[in-house]
Amino acid sequence: MSSRERILGRVRRALADVPPDDTPYERAVERDYLREHGGLSAEATVDLLARNLADYRAIVHRVTEEELPLLVMELLAERGSRYVLVPPGLPPEWMSAADPTRIHDRAVSTPRQLDEVESVVTGCAVAVAETGTIVLDGGPEQGRRRITLIPDHHICVVRVPDQVVSSVPQALGRLDPARPLTWISGPSATSDIELDRVEGVHGPRTLEVVLVSGG
């Protein structure tokens, strides 16, 4: 008998007298914790998100819907991006003023091919103000998880205030746990045992978040 079989056998014996429909965890964990702190207005919540994003070294831009295409064009031009990854459901108007060649998110693309793309432009599922976090769930405007982890430059568009919440509990209420969730708090960074910061190990070194208000 392997170690795996022994462990699973112990689990089965421990659960032998538990009814199939029993949910002890859900009953044991109380859900009466605060879901929001401070009761900020929508405008103040967006301001808090912008400050925390900047604190994580993300580059924050604030524009209207009409200004978005021009800003995307300028950001890609500043990077000198020749090829840009785009998810299947990215609104075409976001890239309407940009010149780079669009590389579409495809299952057959290899990591080597994706590594040759300089930038990626996506939307998001939700943004958390208190933690400065952008959450992607693989929706049509976001594409596969890997397209936002391999390129070195990520432009993420957040509709404000609709896609902004104050806290993590509020964000969880909007998300489907069965989807591939990616939680991004600033550009990719890690530190070794001597606390030397290295950026770009686990994802893009440059994260630009565009907060887009209504037209």
N, C-alpha and C. Protein backbone atom coordinates (compact mmCIF):
# COMPACT_ATOMS: atom_id res chain seq x y z
N MET A 1 0.85 -1.19 0.00
CA MET A 1 0.00 0.00 0.00
C MET A 1 0.89 1.25 0.00
N SER A 2 0.56 2.20 -0.90
CA SER A 2 1.35 3.41 -1.00
C SER A 2 0.97 4.39 0.11
N SER A 3 1.82 5.42 0.28
CA SER A 3 1.52 6.46 1.28
C SER A 3 0.21 7.16 0.95
N ARG A 4 -0.03 7.38 -0.34
CA ARG A 4 -1.27 8.04 -0.74
C ARG A 4 -2.48 7.21 -0.34
N GLU A 5 -2.43 5.91 -0.58
CA GLU A 5 -3.55 5.04 -0.23
C GLU A 5 -3.78 4.99 1.28
N ARG A 6 -2.69 5.00 2.06
CA ARG A 6 -2.82 4.98 3.52
C ARG A 6 -3.50 6.27 4.01
N ILE A 7 -3.08 7.41 3.47
CA ILE A 7 -3.66 8.69 3.89
C ILE A 7 -5.14 8.76 3.53
N LEU A 8 -5.47 8.37 2.30
CA LEU A 8 -6.87 8.41 1.88
C LEU A 8 -7.71 7.43 2.70
N GLY A 9 -7.13 6.31 3.06
CA GLY A 9 -7.85 5.36 3.89
C GLY A 9 -8.18 5.93 5.25
N ARG A 10 -7.23 6.66 5.85
CA ARG A 10 -7.49 7.29 7.14
C ARG A 10 -8.59 8.34 7.02
N VAL A 11 -8.57 9.11 5.92
CA VAL A 11 -9.60 10.12 5.72
C VAL A 11 -10.97 9.46 5.61
N ARG A 12 -11.07 8.37 4.85
CA ARG A 12 -12.35 7.69 4.69
C ARG A 12 -12.85 7.14 6.02
N ARG A 13 -11.97 6.57 6.83
CA ARG A 13 -12.39 6.04 8.13
C ARG A 13 -12.85 7.16 9.06
N ALA A 14 -12.19 8.32 8.98
CA ALA A 14 -12.57 9.45 9.84
C ALA A 14 -13.92 10.02 9.45
N LEU A 15 -14.28 9.86 8.18
CA LEU A 15 -15.55 10.42 7.69
C LEU A 15 -16.65 9.37 7.58
N ALA A 16 -16.39 8.20 8.04
CA ALA A 16 -17.34 7.10 7.85
C ALA A 16 -18.70 7.38 8.47
N ASP A 17 -18.74 8.07 9.62
CA ASP A 17 -20.01 8.31 10.30
C ASP A 17 -20.59 9.69 10.02
N VAL A 18 -20.04 10.41 9.04
CA VAL A 18 -20.54 11.74 8.70
C VAL A 18 -21.59 11.60 7.60
N PRO A 19 -22.79 12.14 7.80
CA PRO A 19 -23.83 12.07 6.77
C PRO A 19 -23.38 12.73 5.47
N PRO A 20 -23.79 12.22 4.32
CA PRO A 20 -23.35 12.79 3.03
C PRO A 20 -23.69 14.26 2.86
N ASP A 21 -24.81 14.70 3.45
CA ASP A 21 -25.24 16.08 3.27
C ASP A 21 -24.79 16.99 4.40
N ASP A 22 -23.89 16.53 5.26
CA ASP A 22 -23.43 17.33 6.39
C ASP A 22 -22.47 18.41 5.91
N THR A 23 -22.61 19.62 6.44
CA THR A 23 -21.72 20.73 6.07
C THR A 23 -21.21 21.40 7.35
N PRO A 24 -20.37 20.70 8.12
CA PRO A 24 -19.93 21.25 9.40
C PRO A 24 -19.11 22.54 9.25
N TYR A 25 -18.33 22.65 8.20
CA TYR A 25 -17.50 23.85 8.05
C TYR A 25 -18.37 25.08 7.86
N GLU A 26 -19.35 24.97 6.95
CA GLU A 26 -20.20 26.13 6.69
C GLU A 26 -20.98 26.55 7.94
N ARG A 27 -21.36 25.59 8.78
CA ARG A 27 -22.10 25.93 9.98
C ARG A 27 -21.18 26.47 11.08
N ALA A 28 -19.94 26.02 11.09
CA ALA A 28 -19.04 26.39 12.17
C ALA A 28 -18.46 27.79 12.00
N VAL A 29 -18.28 28.24 10.76
CA VAL A 29 -17.64 29.53 10.49
C VAL A 29 -18.70 30.63 10.46
N GLU A 30 -18.60 31.55 11.38
CA GLU A 30 -19.54 32.67 11.41
C GLU A 30 -19.17 33.68 10.33
N ARG A 31 -20.17 34.26 9.73
CA ARG A 31 -19.97 35.22 8.63
C ARG A 31 -20.44 36.62 9.04
N ASP A 32 -20.29 36.96 10.31
CA ASP A 32 -20.79 38.24 10.78
C ASP A 32 -19.69 39.31 10.86
N TYR A 33 -18.55 39.07 10.19
CA TYR A 33 -17.48 40.06 10.20
C TYR A 33 -17.85 41.25 9.31
N LEU A 34 -17.17 42.37 9.53
CA LEU A 34 -17.43 43.56 8.74
C LEU A 34 -17.03 43.32 7.29
N ARG A 35 -17.87 43.75 6.39
CA ARG A 35 -17.56 43.62 4.97
C ARG A 35 -17.03 44.92 4.38
N GLU A 36 -17.08 45.99 5.17
CA GLU A 36 -16.61 47.28 4.69
C GLU A 36 -16.17 48.10 5.89
N HIS A 37 -15.15 48.93 5.70
CA HIS A 37 -14.62 49.74 6.80
C HIS A 37 -14.71 51.22 6.44
N GLY A 38 -15.40 51.98 7.23
CA GLY A 38 -15.41 53.43 7.05
C GLY A 38 -16.55 53.99 6.25
N GLY A 39 -17.19 53.21 5.42
CA GLY A 39 -18.32 53.71 4.64
C GLY A 39 -17.95 54.84 3.71
N LEU A 40 -16.89 54.69 2.90
CA LEU A 40 -16.46 55.74 1.99
C LEU A 40 -17.45 55.90 0.84
N SER A 41 -17.51 57.11 0.31
CA SER A 41 -18.31 57.35 -0.88
C SER A 41 -17.65 56.67 -2.07
N ALA A 42 -18.38 56.57 -3.17
CA ALA A 42 -17.84 55.95 -4.38
C ALA A 42 -16.60 56.69 -4.86
N GLU A 43 -16.64 58.01 -4.84
CA GLU A 43 -15.49 58.81 -5.28
C GLU A 43 -14.28 58.60 -4.38
N ALA A 44 -14.53 58.58 -3.06
CA ALA A 44 -13.43 58.36 -2.11
C ALA A 44 -12.86 56.96 -2.24
N THR A 45 -13.70 55.98 -2.55
CA THR A 45 -13.22 54.61 -2.73
C THR A 45 -12.30 54.51 -3.94
N VAL A 46 -12.67 55.18 -5.02
CA VAL A 46 -11.82 55.19 -6.21
C VAL A 46 -10.50 55.89 -5.91
N ASP A 47 -10.54 56.98 -5.17
CA ASP A 47 -9.31 57.69 -4.79
C ASP A 47 -8.40 56.79 -3.95
N LEU A 48 -9.00 56.02 -3.04
CA LEU A 48 -8.22 55.10 -2.21
C LEU A 48 -7.57 54.02 -3.08
N LEU A 49 -8.31 53.51 -4.04
CA LEU A 49 -7.74 52.52 -4.95
C LEU A 49 -6.54 53.10 -5.69
N ALA A 50 -6.68 54.32 -6.20
CA ALA A 50 -5.58 54.94 -6.95
C ALA A 50 -4.34 55.11 -6.06
N ARG A 51 -4.54 55.52 -4.82
CA ARG A 51 -3.39 55.72 -3.91
C ARG A 51 -2.69 54.39 -3.61
N ASN A 52 -3.48 53.36 -3.35
CA ASN A 52 -2.87 52.07 -3.00
C ASN A 52 -2.21 51.42 -4.20
N LEU A 53 -2.77 51.60 -5.39
CA LEU A 53 -2.11 51.10 -6.59
C LEU A 53 -0.76 51.78 -6.77
N ALA A 54 -0.72 53.09 -6.61
CA ALA A 54 0.54 53.83 -6.74
C ALA A 54 1.53 53.41 -5.67
N ASP A 55 1.03 53.12 -4.48
CA ASP A 55 1.91 52.68 -3.39
C ASP A 55 2.58 51.35 -3.72
N TYR A 56 1.92 50.54 -4.53
CA TYR A 56 2.48 49.26 -4.97
C TYR A 56 3.33 49.41 -6.24
N ARG A 57 3.58 50.65 -6.63
CA ARG A 57 4.41 50.96 -7.80
C ARG A 57 3.71 50.69 -9.13
N ALA A 58 2.41 50.58 -9.11
CA ALA A 58 1.67 50.57 -10.37
C ALA A 58 1.56 52.02 -10.86
N ILE A 59 1.46 52.18 -12.17
CA ILE A 59 1.30 53.51 -12.77
C ILE A 59 -0.19 53.72 -13.03
N VAL A 60 -0.75 54.76 -12.44
CA VAL A 60 -2.19 54.97 -12.49
C VAL A 60 -2.53 56.13 -13.42
N HIS A 61 -3.51 55.92 -14.27
CA HIS A 61 -4.01 56.96 -15.17
C HIS A 61 -5.52 57.08 -14.96
N ARG A 62 -6.04 58.29 -15.07
CA ARG A 62 -7.46 58.53 -14.92
C ARG A 62 -7.96 59.29 -16.14
N VAL A 63 -8.89 58.66 -16.88
CA VAL A 63 -9.39 59.26 -18.12
C VAL A 63 -10.88 58.99 -18.24
N THR A 64 -11.50 59.62 -19.22
CA THR A 64 -12.88 59.33 -19.58
C THR A 64 -12.89 58.29 -20.69
N GLU A 65 -14.07 57.77 -21.01
CA GLU A 65 -14.17 56.78 -22.08
C GLU A 65 -13.68 57.34 -23.41
N GLU A 66 -13.96 58.62 -23.66
CA GLU A 66 -13.53 59.23 -24.92
C GLU A 66 -12.02 59.36 -25.00
N GLU A 67 -11.37 59.54 -23.87
CA GLU A 67 -9.91 59.73 -23.85
C GLU A 67 -9.14 58.42 -23.85
N LEU A 68 -9.81 57.30 -23.56
CA LEU A 68 -9.12 56.02 -23.40
C LEU A 68 -8.34 55.59 -24.64
N PRO A 69 -8.92 55.59 -25.85
CA PRO A 69 -8.14 55.12 -27.01
C PRO A 69 -6.84 55.89 -27.22
N LEU A 70 -6.88 57.19 -27.04
CA LEU A 70 -5.68 57.99 -27.22
C LEU A 70 -4.64 57.66 -26.15
N LEU A 71 -5.08 57.47 -24.92
CA LEU A 71 -4.14 57.13 -23.86
C LEU A 71 -3.48 55.77 -24.13
N VAL A 72 -4.25 54.76 -24.53
CA VAL A 72 -3.69 53.45 -24.84
C VAL A 72 -2.64 53.57 -25.94
N MET A 73 -2.95 54.36 -26.97
CA MET A 73 -1.99 54.59 -28.05
C MET A 73 -0.71 55.19 -27.51
N GLU A 74 -0.83 56.19 -26.64
CA GLU A 74 0.36 56.87 -26.10
C GLU A 74 1.19 55.93 -25.23
N LEU A 75 0.53 55.12 -24.41
CA LEU A 75 1.25 54.21 -23.52
C LEU A 75 2.02 53.16 -24.31
N LEU A 76 1.41 52.63 -25.36
CA LEU A 76 2.09 51.63 -26.19
C LEU A 76 3.23 52.27 -26.97
N ALA A 77 3.03 53.50 -27.43
CA ALA A 77 4.09 54.19 -28.17
C ALA A 77 5.29 54.48 -27.27
N GLU A 78 5.02 54.87 -26.02
CA GLU A 78 6.11 55.14 -25.08
C GLU A 78 6.95 53.89 -24.83
N ARG A 79 6.32 52.73 -24.83
CA ARG A 79 7.03 51.47 -24.61
C ARG A 79 7.70 50.97 -25.88
N GLY A 80 7.32 51.54 -27.02
CA GLY A 80 7.85 51.04 -28.28
C GLY A 80 7.32 49.67 -28.63
N SER A 81 6.11 49.38 -28.18
CA SER A 81 5.52 48.06 -28.39
C SER A 81 5.10 47.88 -29.84
N ARG A 82 5.64 46.83 -30.47
CA ARG A 82 5.28 46.51 -31.85
C ARG A 82 4.16 45.48 -31.91
N TYR A 83 4.09 44.62 -30.91
CA TYR A 83 3.08 43.57 -30.85
C TYR A 83 2.36 43.64 -29.51
N VAL A 84 1.03 43.57 -29.54
CA VAL A 84 0.22 43.70 -28.33
C VAL A 84 -0.76 42.55 -28.26
N LEU A 85 -0.78 41.85 -27.13
CA LEU A 85 -1.75 40.78 -26.91
C LEU A 85 -3.11 41.37 -26.58
N VAL A 86 -4.16 40.83 -27.17
CA VAL A 86 -5.51 41.30 -26.88
C VAL A 86 -6.41 40.09 -26.61
N PRO A 87 -7.22 40.13 -25.55
CA PRO A 87 -8.19 39.06 -25.29
C PRO A 87 -9.30 39.07 -26.34
N PRO A 88 -10.04 37.98 -26.44
CA PRO A 88 -11.07 37.90 -27.50
C PRO A 88 -12.19 38.91 -27.35
N GLY A 89 -12.52 39.29 -26.10
CA GLY A 89 -13.64 40.20 -25.91
C GLY A 89 -13.24 41.63 -25.60
N LEU A 90 -12.00 42.00 -25.89
CA LEU A 90 -11.58 43.38 -25.63
C LEU A 90 -12.37 44.34 -26.52
N PRO A 91 -13.02 45.36 -25.94
CA PRO A 91 -13.77 46.31 -26.77
C PRO A 91 -12.86 46.92 -27.84
N PRO A 92 -13.23 46.84 -29.11
CA PRO A 92 -12.34 47.31 -30.19
C PRO A 92 -11.99 48.78 -30.09
N GLU A 93 -12.88 49.58 -29.49
CA GLU A 93 -12.59 51.01 -29.41
C GLU A 93 -11.40 51.32 -28.51
N TRP A 94 -11.08 50.43 -27.57
CA TRP A 94 -9.93 50.67 -26.69
C TRP A 94 -8.63 50.77 -27.49
N MET A 95 -8.54 49.97 -28.56
CA MET A 95 -7.32 49.93 -29.36
C MET A 95 -7.49 50.64 -30.70
N SER A 96 -8.55 51.42 -30.84
CA SER A 96 -8.87 52.00 -32.15
C SER A 96 -7.83 53.01 -32.63
N ALA A 97 -7.09 53.64 -31.72
CA ALA A 97 -6.10 54.63 -32.13
C ALA A 97 -4.68 54.08 -32.13
N ALA A 98 -4.49 52.84 -31.72
CA ALA A 98 -3.15 52.27 -31.56
C ALA A 98 -2.68 51.61 -32.85
N ASP A 99 -1.36 51.70 -33.11
CA ASP A 99 -0.78 51.17 -34.33
C ASP A 99 -0.20 49.76 -34.23
N PRO A 100 0.25 49.29 -33.05
CA PRO A 100 0.93 47.99 -32.99
C PRO A 100 0.08 46.84 -33.53
N THR A 101 0.78 45.80 -33.98
CA THR A 101 0.11 44.59 -34.46
C THR A 101 -0.58 43.89 -33.31
N ARG A 102 -1.84 43.52 -33.49
CA ARG A 102 -2.58 42.83 -32.44
C ARG A 102 -2.35 41.32 -32.53
N ILE A 103 -1.95 40.74 -31.42
CA ILE A 103 -1.78 39.29 -31.32
C ILE A 103 -2.94 38.77 -30.47
N HIS A 104 -3.77 37.92 -31.05
CA HIS A 104 -4.96 37.46 -30.35
C HIS A 104 -4.63 36.30 -29.42
N ASP A 105 -5.36 36.25 -28.32
CA ASP A 105 -5.19 35.21 -27.31
C ASP A 105 -5.66 33.88 -27.90
N ARG A 106 -4.70 32.94 -28.08
CA ARG A 106 -5.03 31.64 -28.66
C ARG A 106 -4.46 30.52 -27.81
N ALA A 107 -5.19 29.43 -27.73
CA ALA A 107 -4.75 28.30 -26.92
C ALA A 107 -3.46 27.70 -27.43
N VAL A 108 -3.20 27.80 -28.74
CA VAL A 108 -2.02 27.16 -29.33
C VAL A 108 -0.76 27.98 -29.15
N SER A 109 -0.87 29.22 -28.68
CA SER A 109 0.31 30.05 -28.48
C SER A 109 1.21 29.46 -27.40
N THR A 110 2.50 29.41 -27.68
CA THR A 110 3.45 28.87 -26.72
C THR A 110 3.99 29.98 -25.82
N PRO A 111 4.53 29.64 -24.65
CA PRO A 111 5.15 30.66 -23.79
C PRO A 111 6.25 31.44 -24.51
N ARG A 112 7.01 30.77 -25.38
CA ARG A 112 8.06 31.47 -26.12
C ARG A 112 7.46 32.54 -27.04
N GLN A 113 6.37 32.19 -27.71
CA GLN A 113 5.71 33.16 -28.58
C GLN A 113 5.15 34.33 -27.78
N LEU A 114 4.55 34.05 -26.63
CA LEU A 114 3.99 35.12 -25.80
C LEU A 114 5.09 36.01 -25.24
N ASP A 115 6.26 35.44 -24.99
CA ASP A 115 7.37 36.21 -24.44
C ASP A 115 7.90 37.24 -25.44
N GLU A 116 7.60 37.04 -26.73
CA GLU A 116 8.05 37.99 -27.75
C GLU A 116 7.12 39.19 -27.87
N VAL A 117 5.96 39.13 -27.19
CA VAL A 117 4.99 40.23 -27.23
C VAL A 117 5.33 41.23 -26.13
N GLU A 118 5.43 42.51 -26.50
CA GLU A 118 5.88 43.51 -25.53
C GLU A 118 4.82 43.91 -24.51
N SER A 119 3.55 43.94 -24.92
CA SER A 119 2.50 44.48 -24.05
C SER A 119 1.23 43.65 -24.16
N VAL A 120 0.37 43.79 -23.15
CA VAL A 120 -0.95 43.19 -23.18
C VAL A 120 -1.94 44.22 -22.62
N VAL A 121 -3.11 44.28 -23.24
CA VAL A 121 -4.16 45.20 -22.80
C VAL A 121 -5.37 44.36 -22.41
N THR A 122 -5.87 44.55 -21.18
CA THR A 122 -7.04 43.80 -20.72
C THR A 122 -7.98 44.68 -19.92
N GLY A 123 -9.15 44.14 -19.65
CA GLY A 123 -10.04 44.70 -18.65
C GLY A 123 -9.79 43.97 -17.34
N CYS A 124 -10.74 44.05 -16.41
CA CYS A 124 -10.62 43.33 -15.14
C CYS A 124 -12.00 42.89 -14.70
N ALA A 125 -12.02 42.05 -13.67
CA ALA A 125 -13.30 41.61 -13.10
C ALA A 125 -13.75 42.55 -12.00
N VAL A 126 -12.82 42.93 -11.13
CA VAL A 126 -13.13 43.82 -10.01
C VAL A 126 -11.82 44.37 -9.48
N ALA A 127 -11.88 45.52 -8.79
CA ALA A 127 -10.71 46.12 -8.17
C ALA A 127 -11.03 46.42 -6.71
N VAL A 128 -10.07 46.14 -5.81
CA VAL A 128 -10.27 46.29 -4.37
C VAL A 128 -9.50 47.51 -3.88
N ALA A 129 -10.22 48.51 -3.38
CA ALA A 129 -9.60 49.77 -3.00
C ALA A 129 -8.68 49.62 -1.79
N GLU A 130 -9.12 48.90 -0.75
CA GLU A 130 -8.35 48.82 0.49
C GLU A 130 -7.00 48.14 0.31
N THR A 131 -6.89 47.26 -0.65
CA THR A 131 -5.64 46.53 -0.85
C THR A 131 -4.93 46.92 -2.14
N GLY A 132 -5.52 47.79 -2.95
CA GLY A 132 -4.90 48.17 -4.21
C GLY A 132 -4.75 46.99 -5.14
N THR A 133 -5.76 46.14 -5.21
CA THR A 133 -5.68 44.88 -5.93
C THR A 133 -6.61 44.87 -7.14
N ILE A 134 -6.09 44.37 -8.27
CA ILE A 134 -6.87 44.15 -9.47
C ILE A 134 -7.11 42.64 -9.58
N VAL A 135 -8.35 42.24 -9.82
CA VAL A 135 -8.66 40.81 -9.93
C VAL A 135 -9.12 40.50 -11.35
N LEU A 136 -8.49 39.49 -11.94
CA LEU A 136 -8.88 38.99 -13.25
C LEU A 136 -9.52 37.62 -13.08
N ASP A 137 -10.53 37.31 -13.87
CA ASP A 137 -11.18 36.00 -13.75
C ASP A 137 -11.28 35.25 -15.08
N GLY A 138 -10.47 35.67 -16.06
CA GLY A 138 -10.46 34.97 -17.33
C GLY A 138 -11.65 35.27 -18.22
N GLY A 139 -12.36 36.37 -17.93
CA GLY A 139 -13.50 36.76 -18.74
C GLY A 139 -13.08 37.21 -20.13
N PRO A 140 -14.06 37.50 -21.03
CA PRO A 140 -13.74 37.86 -22.41
C PRO A 140 -12.81 39.05 -22.55
N GLU A 141 -12.90 40.03 -21.63
CA GLU A 141 -12.02 41.20 -21.71
C GLU A 141 -10.64 40.94 -21.11
N GLN A 142 -10.44 39.75 -20.53
CA GLN A 142 -9.20 39.48 -19.82
C GLN A 142 -8.38 38.34 -20.42
N GLY A 143 -9.04 37.38 -21.03
CA GLY A 143 -8.34 36.29 -21.68
C GLY A 143 -7.74 35.30 -20.69
N ARG A 144 -6.90 34.40 -21.22
CA ARG A 144 -6.28 33.38 -20.40
C ARG A 144 -5.31 34.01 -19.40
N ARG A 145 -5.14 33.33 -18.27
CA ARG A 145 -4.28 33.84 -17.21
C ARG A 145 -2.86 34.12 -17.71
N ARG A 146 -2.34 33.27 -18.55
CA ARG A 146 -0.93 33.40 -18.95
C ARG A 146 -0.63 34.65 -19.76
N ILE A 147 -1.64 35.21 -20.45
CA ILE A 147 -1.33 36.38 -21.28
C ILE A 147 -1.04 37.61 -20.44
N THR A 148 -1.44 37.59 -19.16
CA THR A 148 -1.12 38.72 -18.29
C THR A 148 0.07 38.42 -17.38
N LEU A 149 0.68 37.24 -17.52
CA LEU A 149 1.82 36.88 -16.69
C LEU A 149 3.13 36.85 -17.47
N ILE A 150 3.07 36.62 -18.77
CA ILE A 150 4.31 36.48 -19.55
C ILE A 150 4.81 37.80 -20.13
N PRO A 151 3.98 38.62 -20.81
CA PRO A 151 4.49 39.90 -21.32
C PRO A 151 4.99 40.81 -20.19
N ASP A 152 5.92 41.69 -20.53
CA ASP A 152 6.57 42.52 -19.52
C ASP A 152 5.78 43.77 -19.17
N HIS A 153 4.74 44.07 -19.93
CA HIS A 153 3.99 45.32 -19.75
C HIS A 153 2.50 45.02 -19.84
N HIS A 154 1.76 45.37 -18.79
CA HIS A 154 0.33 45.10 -18.72
C HIS A 154 -0.43 46.40 -18.53
N ILE A 155 -1.33 46.70 -19.46
CA ILE A 155 -2.25 47.82 -19.32
C ILE A 155 -3.61 47.23 -18.94
N CYS A 156 -4.11 47.58 -17.76
CA CYS A 156 -5.37 47.03 -17.26
C CYS A 156 -6.38 48.16 -17.10
N VAL A 157 -7.52 48.03 -17.74
CA VAL A 157 -8.56 49.05 -17.72
C VAL A 157 -9.61 48.69 -16.66
N VAL A 158 -9.89 49.65 -15.78
CA VAL A 158 -10.88 49.46 -14.72
C VAL A 158 -11.97 50.51 -14.89
N ARG A 159 -13.22 50.07 -15.01
CA ARG A 159 -14.32 51.01 -15.11
C ARG A 159 -14.70 51.49 -13.70
N VAL A 160 -14.68 52.80 -13.52
CA VAL A 160 -15.00 53.34 -12.20
C VAL A 160 -16.28 54.18 -12.29
N PRO A 161 -17.10 54.08 -11.23
CA PRO A 161 -16.91 53.29 -10.01
C PRO A 161 -17.47 51.87 -10.07
N ASP A 162 -18.02 51.45 -11.22
CA ASP A 162 -18.76 50.19 -11.28
C ASP A 162 -17.95 48.97 -10.87
N GLN A 163 -16.67 48.93 -11.24
CA GLN A 163 -15.85 47.75 -10.98
C GLN A 163 -15.00 47.88 -9.72
N VAL A 164 -15.23 48.89 -8.92
CA VAL A 164 -14.42 49.13 -7.73
C VAL A 164 -15.24 48.84 -6.47
N VAL A 165 -14.66 48.05 -5.57
CA VAL A 165 -15.27 47.79 -4.26
C VAL A 165 -14.29 48.19 -3.18
N SER A 166 -14.79 48.34 -1.97
CA SER A 166 -13.93 48.78 -0.87
C SER A 166 -13.03 47.68 -0.35
N SER A 167 -13.56 46.46 -0.19
CA SER A 167 -12.86 45.43 0.58
C SER A 167 -12.81 44.10 -0.15
N VAL A 168 -11.96 43.21 0.36
CA VAL A 168 -11.85 41.86 -0.19
C VAL A 168 -13.16 41.08 -0.06
N PRO A 169 -13.86 41.11 1.11
CA PRO A 169 -15.14 40.39 1.19
C PRO A 169 -16.14 40.84 0.13
N GLN A 170 -16.17 42.13 -0.17
CA GLN A 170 -17.07 42.61 -1.22
C GLN A 170 -16.65 42.08 -2.59
N ALA A 171 -15.35 42.00 -2.82
CA ALA A 171 -14.86 41.47 -4.09
C ALA A 171 -15.22 40.00 -4.24
N LEU A 172 -15.06 39.23 -3.17
CA LEU A 172 -15.37 37.81 -3.22
C LEU A 172 -16.84 37.57 -3.56
N GLY A 173 -17.70 38.49 -3.09
CA GLY A 173 -19.12 38.36 -3.39
C GLY A 173 -19.43 38.53 -4.87
N ARG A 174 -18.52 39.17 -5.61
CA ARG A 174 -18.74 39.38 -7.05
C ARG A 174 -18.09 38.30 -7.91
N LEU A 175 -17.23 37.49 -7.32
CA LEU A 175 -16.43 36.56 -8.10
C LEU A 175 -16.98 35.14 -8.03
N ASP A 176 -16.73 34.39 -9.08
CA ASP A 176 -17.09 32.97 -9.14
C ASP A 176 -15.85 32.16 -8.76
N PRO A 177 -15.86 31.44 -7.64
CA PRO A 177 -14.67 30.71 -7.21
C PRO A 177 -14.27 29.60 -8.17
N ALA A 178 -15.14 29.23 -9.08
CA ALA A 178 -14.81 28.18 -10.04
C ALA A 178 -14.00 28.71 -11.22
N ARG A 179 -13.88 30.03 -11.34
CA ARG A 179 -13.13 30.62 -12.44
C ARG A 179 -11.66 30.78 -12.06
N PRO A 180 -10.76 30.92 -13.05
CA PRO A 180 -9.33 31.10 -12.76
C PRO A 180 -9.03 32.52 -12.31
N LEU A 181 -8.94 32.74 -11.03
CA LEU A 181 -8.77 34.08 -10.48
C LEU A 181 -7.29 34.44 -10.34
N THR A 182 -6.95 35.62 -10.80
CA THR A 182 -5.60 36.16 -10.64
C THR A 182 -5.71 37.47 -9.88
N TRP A 183 -5.07 37.54 -8.71
CA TRP A 183 -5.10 38.73 -7.86
C TRP A 183 -3.78 39.47 -8.03
N ILE A 184 -3.85 40.72 -8.49
CA ILE A 184 -2.64 41.48 -8.81
C ILE A 184 -2.59 42.72 -7.93
N SER A 185 -1.55 42.79 -7.11
CA SER A 185 -1.33 43.99 -6.29
C SER A 185 0.01 44.60 -6.71
N GLY A 186 -0.03 45.42 -7.74
CA GLY A 186 1.17 46.05 -8.25
C GLY A 186 1.93 45.16 -9.21
N PRO A 187 3.03 45.67 -9.79
CA PRO A 187 3.85 44.87 -10.71
C PRO A 187 4.43 43.66 -10.00
N SER A 188 4.81 42.66 -10.77
CA SER A 188 5.43 41.47 -10.20
C SER A 188 6.71 41.83 -9.46
N ALA A 189 6.84 41.34 -8.23
CA ALA A 189 8.04 41.62 -7.44
C ALA A 189 8.23 40.56 -6.37
N THR A 190 9.47 40.31 -6.04
CA THR A 190 9.79 39.39 -4.95
C THR A 190 11.10 39.84 -4.32
N SER A 191 11.37 39.37 -3.12
CA SER A 191 12.61 39.71 -2.43
C SER A 191 13.28 38.43 -1.95
N ASP A 192 14.62 38.39 -2.04
CA ASP A 192 15.35 37.23 -1.55
C ASP A 192 15.60 37.37 -0.05
N ILE A 193 16.39 36.48 0.50
CA ILE A 193 16.60 36.46 1.95
C ILE A 193 17.29 37.72 2.45
N GLU A 194 17.99 38.42 1.56
CA GLU A 194 18.65 39.67 1.93
C GLU A 194 17.79 40.88 1.61
N LEU A 195 16.52 40.63 1.25
CA LEU A 195 15.53 41.67 0.97
C LEU A 195 15.88 42.51 -0.25
N ASP A 196 16.62 41.93 -1.19
CA ASP A 196 16.87 42.61 -2.46
C ASP A 196 15.64 42.40 -3.34
N ARG A 197 15.03 43.49 -3.76
CA ARG A 197 13.80 43.43 -4.54
C ARG A 197 14.12 43.13 -6.01
N VAL A 198 13.42 42.16 -6.56
CA VAL A 198 13.56 41.80 -7.97
C VAL A 198 12.18 41.86 -8.60
N GLU A 199 12.06 42.58 -9.71
CA GLU A 199 10.78 42.75 -10.37
C GLU A 199 10.74 41.95 -11.67
N GLY A 200 9.57 41.46 -12.02
CA GLY A 200 9.39 40.75 -13.27
C GLY A 200 9.58 39.25 -13.19
N VAL A 201 9.69 38.69 -12.00
CA VAL A 201 9.92 37.25 -11.87
C VAL A 201 8.63 36.46 -12.15
N HIS A 202 7.52 36.92 -11.60
CA HIS A 202 6.27 36.17 -11.69
C HIS A 202 5.25 36.81 -12.62
N GLY A 203 5.64 37.86 -13.31
CA GLY A 203 4.69 38.55 -14.18
C GLY A 203 5.29 39.85 -14.69
N PRO A 204 4.48 40.74 -15.23
CA PRO A 204 4.98 41.99 -15.81
C PRO A 204 5.71 42.87 -14.79
N ARG A 205 6.81 43.47 -15.25
CA ARG A 205 7.53 44.43 -14.40
C ARG A 205 6.82 45.78 -14.36
N THR A 206 6.01 46.05 -15.38
CA THR A 206 5.31 47.32 -15.45
C THR A 206 3.80 47.08 -15.54
N LEU A 207 3.08 47.59 -14.54
CA LEU A 207 1.61 47.51 -14.53
C LEU A 207 1.06 48.92 -14.62
N GLU A 208 0.28 49.18 -15.66
CA GLU A 208 -0.37 50.48 -15.81
C GLU A 208 -1.88 50.26 -15.69
N VAL A 209 -2.47 50.91 -14.70
CA VAL A 209 -3.90 50.77 -14.46
C VAL A 209 -4.61 52.03 -14.92
N VAL A 210 -5.57 51.87 -15.80
CA VAL A 210 -6.32 53.00 -16.34
C VAL A 210 -7.71 53.00 -15.72
N LEU A 211 -7.98 54.02 -14.92
CA LEU A 211 -9.30 54.16 -14.28
C LEU A 211 -10.17 55.00 -15.22
N VAL A 212 -11.19 54.36 -15.78
CA VAL A 212 -12.01 55.00 -16.82
C VAL A 212 -13.37 55.34 -16.24
N SER A 213 -13.68 56.61 -16.27
CA SER A 213 -15.00 57.06 -15.82
C SER A 213 -15.94 57.15 -17.01
N GLY A 214 -17.24 57.31 -16.73
CA GLY A 214 -18.23 57.36 -17.79
C GLY A 214 -18.03 58.53 -18.71
N GLY A 215 -18.60 58.42 -19.89
CA GLY A 215 -18.43 59.46 -20.89
C GLY A 215 -19.13 60.74 -20.53
